[in-house]
Amino acid sequence: GLGVDDPFTAHSFGPPKARRAQPFTRRKADPAQEVSPPTHVPGQECECCAKPQPMQQTLEELDFERGLWGAAALGNFSKLSKLVARGTRDVNEKDTSGYVA
């Protein structure tokens, strides 16, 4: 193990140095660092909206995931039984791909 005579112990480790708390001071914002809002031109997509998002989900995919079909596909019988008990969906209803729960 590392001991007192070890050169790494003497130089690398030791009790942490105490820091003095710095007083909080308010400063005016630097205008050079301010971010201007994106400009939007009617009829054109702006740069902030046109970028593809890393995770996008259609309403059909969301309905599948949260509905009877997703619960059945994952074998989540407790969720499936709760959804069936609510009666909001028919278990024989087909999803957009033609499958039933």
N, C-alpha and C. Protein backbone atom coordinates (compact mmCIF):
# COMPACT_ATOMS: atom_id res chain seq x y z
N GLY A 1 0.81 -1.17 0.00
CA GLY A 1 0.00 0.00 0.00
C GLY A 1 0.86 1.25 0.00
N LEU A 2 0.23 2.38 -0.06
CA LEU A 2 0.95 3.64 -0.04
C LEU A 2 1.26 4.01 1.39
N GLY A 3 2.46 4.38 1.63
CA GLY A 3 2.87 4.74 2.98
C GLY A 3 3.38 6.15 3.03
N VAL A 4 3.89 6.54 4.18
CA VAL A 4 4.39 7.90 4.38
C VAL A 4 5.62 8.15 3.51
N ASP A 5 6.43 7.12 3.31
CA ASP A 5 7.65 7.28 2.52
C ASP A 5 7.39 7.25 1.02
N ASP A 6 6.18 6.92 0.63
CA ASP A 6 5.85 6.85 -0.78
C ASP A 6 5.80 8.28 -1.34
N PRO A 7 6.50 8.55 -2.46
CA PRO A 7 6.51 9.93 -3.00
C PRO A 7 5.13 10.40 -3.47
N PHE A 8 4.26 9.47 -3.90
CA PHE A 8 2.93 9.88 -4.36
C PHE A 8 2.07 10.36 -3.20
N THR A 9 2.21 9.74 -2.04
CA THR A 9 1.40 10.11 -0.89
C THR A 9 1.73 11.52 -0.42
N ALA A 10 2.99 11.84 -0.37
CA ALA A 10 3.41 13.13 0.16
C ALA A 10 2.97 14.29 -0.74
N HIS A 11 2.89 14.06 -2.04
CA HIS A 11 2.62 15.16 -2.96
C HIS A 11 1.18 15.18 -3.49
N SER A 12 0.55 14.03 -3.56
CA SER A 12 -0.75 13.97 -4.21
C SER A 12 -1.92 14.02 -3.24
N PHE A 13 -1.72 13.56 -2.03
CA PHE A 13 -2.84 13.43 -1.11
C PHE A 13 -2.63 14.31 0.10
N GLY A 14 -3.66 14.52 0.82
CA GLY A 14 -3.58 15.32 2.03
C GLY A 14 -4.95 15.89 2.32
N PRO A 15 -5.07 16.58 3.42
CA PRO A 15 -6.38 17.14 3.76
C PRO A 15 -6.76 18.22 2.76
N PRO A 16 -8.05 18.33 2.44
CA PRO A 16 -8.47 19.36 1.50
C PRO A 16 -8.25 20.75 2.08
N LYS A 17 -7.88 21.66 1.21
CA LYS A 17 -7.65 23.04 1.66
C LYS A 17 -9.00 23.73 1.82
N ALA A 18 -9.12 24.48 2.88
CA ALA A 18 -10.37 25.20 3.14
C ALA A 18 -10.48 26.39 2.20
N ARG A 19 -11.67 26.62 1.67
CA ARG A 19 -11.90 27.77 0.81
C ARG A 19 -12.71 28.80 1.57
N ARG A 20 -12.39 30.04 1.35
CA ARG A 20 -13.19 31.11 1.94
C ARG A 20 -14.40 31.34 1.07
N ALA A 21 -15.52 31.51 1.69
CA ALA A 21 -16.75 31.76 0.94
C ALA A 21 -16.65 33.12 0.26
N GLN A 22 -17.00 33.14 -1.01
CA GLN A 22 -16.98 34.39 -1.77
C GLN A 22 -18.33 35.07 -1.62
N PRO A 23 -18.35 36.37 -1.38
CA PRO A 23 -19.64 37.06 -1.27
C PRO A 23 -20.32 37.09 -2.64
N PHE A 24 -21.64 36.99 -2.63
CA PHE A 24 -22.42 37.04 -3.86
C PHE A 24 -22.61 38.48 -4.27
N THR A 25 -22.24 38.78 -5.49
CA THR A 25 -22.44 40.14 -6.00
C THR A 25 -23.20 40.06 -7.31
N ARG A 26 -24.14 40.98 -7.48
CA ARG A 26 -24.89 41.04 -8.74
C ARG A 26 -24.12 41.90 -9.72
N ARG A 27 -24.10 41.40 -10.94
CA ARG A 27 -23.46 42.17 -12.00
C ARG A 27 -24.44 42.31 -13.14
N LYS A 28 -24.30 43.38 -13.88
CA LYS A 28 -25.13 43.57 -15.06
C LYS A 28 -24.69 42.55 -16.11
N ALA A 29 -25.65 42.08 -16.89
CA ALA A 29 -25.34 41.14 -17.96
C ALA A 29 -24.52 41.83 -19.03
N ASP A 30 -23.57 41.11 -19.56
CA ASP A 30 -22.73 41.62 -20.63
C ASP A 30 -23.51 41.51 -21.94
N PRO A 31 -23.79 42.63 -22.62
CA PRO A 31 -24.56 42.57 -23.86
C PRO A 31 -23.91 41.69 -24.93
N ALA A 32 -22.61 41.54 -24.90
CA ALA A 32 -21.92 40.70 -25.89
C ALA A 32 -22.24 39.23 -25.68
N GLN A 33 -22.63 38.84 -24.48
CA GLN A 33 -22.91 37.44 -24.18
C GLN A 33 -24.40 37.11 -24.28
N GLU A 34 -25.23 38.09 -24.51
CA GLU A 34 -26.66 37.84 -24.60
C GLU A 34 -26.97 37.09 -25.89
N VAL A 35 -27.93 36.20 -25.82
CA VAL A 35 -28.34 35.42 -26.98
C VAL A 35 -29.59 36.05 -27.56
N SER A 36 -29.54 36.35 -28.83
CA SER A 36 -30.71 36.96 -29.46
C SER A 36 -31.69 35.86 -29.85
N PRO A 37 -32.98 36.14 -29.79
CA PRO A 37 -33.97 35.13 -30.17
C PRO A 37 -33.89 34.86 -31.67
N PRO A 38 -34.26 33.64 -32.08
CA PRO A 38 -34.20 33.34 -33.52
C PRO A 38 -35.23 34.18 -34.27
N THR A 39 -34.89 34.51 -35.49
CA THR A 39 -35.81 35.29 -36.30
C THR A 39 -36.69 34.32 -37.09
N HIS A 40 -37.96 34.61 -37.14
CA HIS A 40 -38.92 33.75 -37.83
C HIS A 40 -39.49 34.51 -39.02
N VAL A 41 -39.42 33.90 -40.18
CA VAL A 41 -39.96 34.49 -41.39
C VAL A 41 -41.26 33.76 -41.71
N PRO A 42 -42.37 34.48 -41.84
CA PRO A 42 -43.65 33.82 -42.14
C PRO A 42 -43.55 32.98 -43.42
N GLY A 43 -44.05 31.76 -43.35
CA GLY A 43 -44.05 30.87 -44.51
C GLY A 43 -42.78 30.05 -44.67
N GLN A 44 -41.78 30.29 -43.85
CA GLN A 44 -40.54 29.53 -43.93
C GLN A 44 -40.25 28.90 -42.57
N GLU A 45 -39.64 27.71 -42.61
CA GLU A 45 -39.24 27.09 -41.35
C GLU A 45 -37.98 27.77 -40.85
N CYS A 46 -37.95 28.02 -39.57
CA CYS A 46 -36.75 28.62 -38.99
C CYS A 46 -35.74 27.52 -38.69
N GLU A 47 -34.52 27.90 -38.46
CA GLU A 47 -33.46 26.94 -38.20
C GLU A 47 -33.70 26.14 -36.93
N CYS A 48 -34.31 26.77 -35.92
CA CYS A 48 -34.52 26.07 -34.66
C CYS A 48 -35.60 25.00 -34.79
N CYS A 49 -36.56 25.19 -35.70
CA CYS A 49 -37.65 24.22 -35.86
C CYS A 49 -37.33 23.15 -36.89
N ALA A 50 -36.43 23.44 -37.82
CA ALA A 50 -36.17 22.52 -38.92
C ALA A 50 -35.23 21.39 -38.55
N LYS A 51 -34.54 21.49 -37.43
CA LYS A 51 -33.59 20.45 -37.04
C LYS A 51 -34.35 19.20 -36.58
N PRO A 52 -33.93 18.02 -37.05
CA PRO A 52 -34.59 16.80 -36.58
C PRO A 52 -34.29 16.55 -35.11
N GLN A 53 -35.29 16.10 -34.40
CA GLN A 53 -35.13 15.82 -32.98
C GLN A 53 -34.60 14.40 -32.80
N PRO A 54 -33.83 14.14 -31.74
CA PRO A 54 -33.26 12.80 -31.55
C PRO A 54 -34.32 11.74 -31.32
N MET A 55 -35.40 12.09 -30.67
CA MET A 55 -36.47 11.13 -30.41
C MET A 55 -37.79 11.76 -30.86
N GLN A 56 -38.38 11.19 -31.88
CA GLN A 56 -39.68 11.66 -32.32
C GLN A 56 -40.62 10.47 -32.32
N GLN A 57 -41.85 10.68 -31.95
CA GLN A 57 -42.83 9.62 -31.87
C GLN A 57 -44.15 10.12 -32.45
N THR A 58 -44.72 9.33 -33.33
CA THR A 58 -46.01 9.72 -33.90
C THR A 58 -47.10 9.43 -32.88
N LEU A 59 -48.28 10.00 -33.13
CA LEU A 59 -49.41 9.74 -32.23
C LEU A 59 -49.80 8.27 -32.25
N GLU A 60 -49.69 7.63 -33.41
CA GLU A 60 -50.01 6.20 -33.51
C GLU A 60 -49.05 5.38 -32.65
N GLU A 61 -47.75 5.72 -32.70
CA GLU A 61 -46.76 5.00 -31.89
C GLU A 61 -47.00 5.22 -30.41
N LEU A 62 -47.35 6.43 -30.05
CA LEU A 62 -47.64 6.75 -28.66
C LEU A 62 -48.88 6.01 -28.18
N ASP A 63 -49.89 5.95 -29.02
CA ASP A 63 -51.12 5.22 -28.69
C ASP A 63 -50.83 3.74 -28.50
N PHE A 64 -49.99 3.18 -29.37
CA PHE A 64 -49.61 1.77 -29.25
C PHE A 64 -48.87 1.52 -27.94
N GLU A 65 -47.90 2.39 -27.66
CA GLU A 65 -47.06 2.21 -26.47
C GLU A 65 -47.86 2.30 -25.18
N ARG A 66 -48.78 3.24 -25.11
CA ARG A 66 -49.54 3.47 -23.88
C ARG A 66 -50.84 2.68 -23.80
N GLY A 67 -51.23 2.07 -24.90
CA GLY A 67 -52.52 1.40 -24.94
C GLY A 67 -52.45 -0.09 -24.72
N LEU A 68 -53.54 -0.74 -25.10
CA LEU A 68 -53.68 -2.19 -24.96
C LEU A 68 -52.58 -2.95 -25.68
N TRP A 69 -52.24 -2.50 -26.89
CA TRP A 69 -51.29 -3.23 -27.70
C TRP A 69 -49.90 -3.25 -27.08
N GLY A 70 -49.47 -2.11 -26.57
CA GLY A 70 -48.15 -2.05 -25.93
C GLY A 70 -48.09 -2.89 -24.68
N ALA A 71 -49.14 -2.85 -23.87
CA ALA A 71 -49.19 -3.65 -22.65
C ALA A 71 -49.18 -5.14 -22.99
N ALA A 72 -49.93 -5.52 -24.04
CA ALA A 72 -49.97 -6.93 -24.45
C ALA A 72 -48.63 -7.36 -25.02
N ALA A 73 -48.00 -6.51 -25.82
CA ALA A 73 -46.72 -6.85 -26.43
C ALA A 73 -45.63 -7.04 -25.39
N LEU A 74 -45.68 -6.26 -24.32
CA LEU A 74 -44.68 -6.36 -23.25
C LEU A 74 -45.04 -7.40 -22.20
N GLY A 75 -46.24 -7.97 -22.29
CA GLY A 75 -46.67 -8.94 -21.28
C GLY A 75 -47.01 -8.30 -19.96
N ASN A 76 -47.36 -7.03 -19.98
CA ASN A 76 -47.71 -6.30 -18.76
C ASN A 76 -49.19 -6.54 -18.47
N PHE A 77 -49.47 -7.67 -17.81
CA PHE A 77 -50.86 -8.08 -17.60
C PHE A 77 -51.60 -7.19 -16.62
N SER A 78 -50.91 -6.61 -15.64
CA SER A 78 -51.60 -5.72 -14.70
C SER A 78 -52.09 -4.46 -15.42
N LYS A 79 -51.25 -3.89 -16.26
CA LYS A 79 -51.66 -2.70 -17.03
C LYS A 79 -52.75 -3.08 -18.03
N LEU A 80 -52.60 -4.23 -18.65
CA LEU A 80 -53.58 -4.69 -19.62
C LEU A 80 -54.95 -4.87 -18.97
N SER A 81 -54.97 -5.49 -17.79
CA SER A 81 -56.26 -5.71 -17.12
C SER A 81 -56.89 -4.39 -16.67
N LYS A 82 -56.06 -3.41 -16.26
CA LYS A 82 -56.59 -2.09 -15.88
C LYS A 82 -57.22 -1.39 -17.09
N LEU A 83 -56.54 -1.47 -18.23
CA LEU A 83 -57.05 -0.82 -19.44
C LEU A 83 -58.34 -1.49 -19.92
N VAL A 84 -58.40 -2.82 -19.82
CA VAL A 84 -59.61 -3.53 -20.22
C VAL A 84 -60.75 -3.20 -19.27
N ALA A 85 -60.45 -3.11 -17.97
CA ALA A 85 -61.48 -2.80 -16.97
C ALA A 85 -62.07 -1.41 -17.19
N ARG A 86 -61.26 -0.47 -17.66
CA ARG A 86 -61.75 0.89 -17.94
C ARG A 86 -62.76 0.88 -19.08
N GLY A 87 -62.56 -0.05 -20.01
CA GLY A 87 -63.48 -0.16 -21.14
C GLY A 87 -63.34 0.92 -22.18
N THR A 88 -62.22 1.62 -22.19
CA THR A 88 -62.03 2.70 -23.17
C THR A 88 -61.69 2.15 -24.55
N ARG A 89 -61.16 0.94 -24.61
CA ARG A 89 -60.80 0.31 -25.89
C ARG A 89 -61.35 -1.10 -25.93
N ASP A 90 -61.68 -1.55 -27.12
CA ASP A 90 -62.11 -2.92 -27.34
C ASP A 90 -60.87 -3.77 -27.56
N VAL A 91 -60.78 -4.91 -26.90
CA VAL A 91 -59.60 -5.77 -27.04
C VAL A 91 -59.48 -6.33 -28.45
N ASN A 92 -60.55 -6.33 -29.22
CA ASN A 92 -60.52 -6.83 -30.59
C ASN A 92 -60.28 -5.72 -31.61
N GLU A 93 -60.10 -4.50 -31.12
CA GLU A 93 -59.83 -3.36 -32.02
C GLU A 93 -58.44 -3.51 -32.62
N LYS A 94 -58.33 -3.28 -33.92
CA LYS A 94 -57.04 -3.40 -34.60
C LYS A 94 -56.27 -2.09 -34.48
N ASP A 95 -54.94 -2.22 -34.37
CA ASP A 95 -54.10 -1.02 -34.38
C ASP A 95 -53.87 -0.61 -35.82
N THR A 96 -53.05 0.40 -36.06
CA THR A 96 -52.83 0.91 -37.41
C THR A 96 -52.13 -0.09 -38.32
N SER A 97 -51.50 -1.11 -37.73
CA SER A 97 -50.84 -2.16 -38.52
C SER A 97 -51.73 -3.38 -38.71
N GLY A 98 -52.92 -3.37 -38.13
CA GLY A 98 -53.86 -4.46 -38.29
C GLY A 98 -53.80 -5.52 -37.21
N TYR A 99 -53.07 -5.27 -36.13
CA TYR A 99 -52.96 -6.23 -35.04
C TYR A 99 -53.97 -5.93 -33.94
N VAL A 100 -54.36 -6.98 -33.22
CA VAL A 100 -55.24 -6.82 -32.06
C VAL A 100 -54.42 -7.13 -30.81
N ALA A 101 -54.89 -6.63 -29.67
CA ALA A 101 -54.18 -6.85 -28.42
C ALA A 101 -54.26 -8.31 -28.04
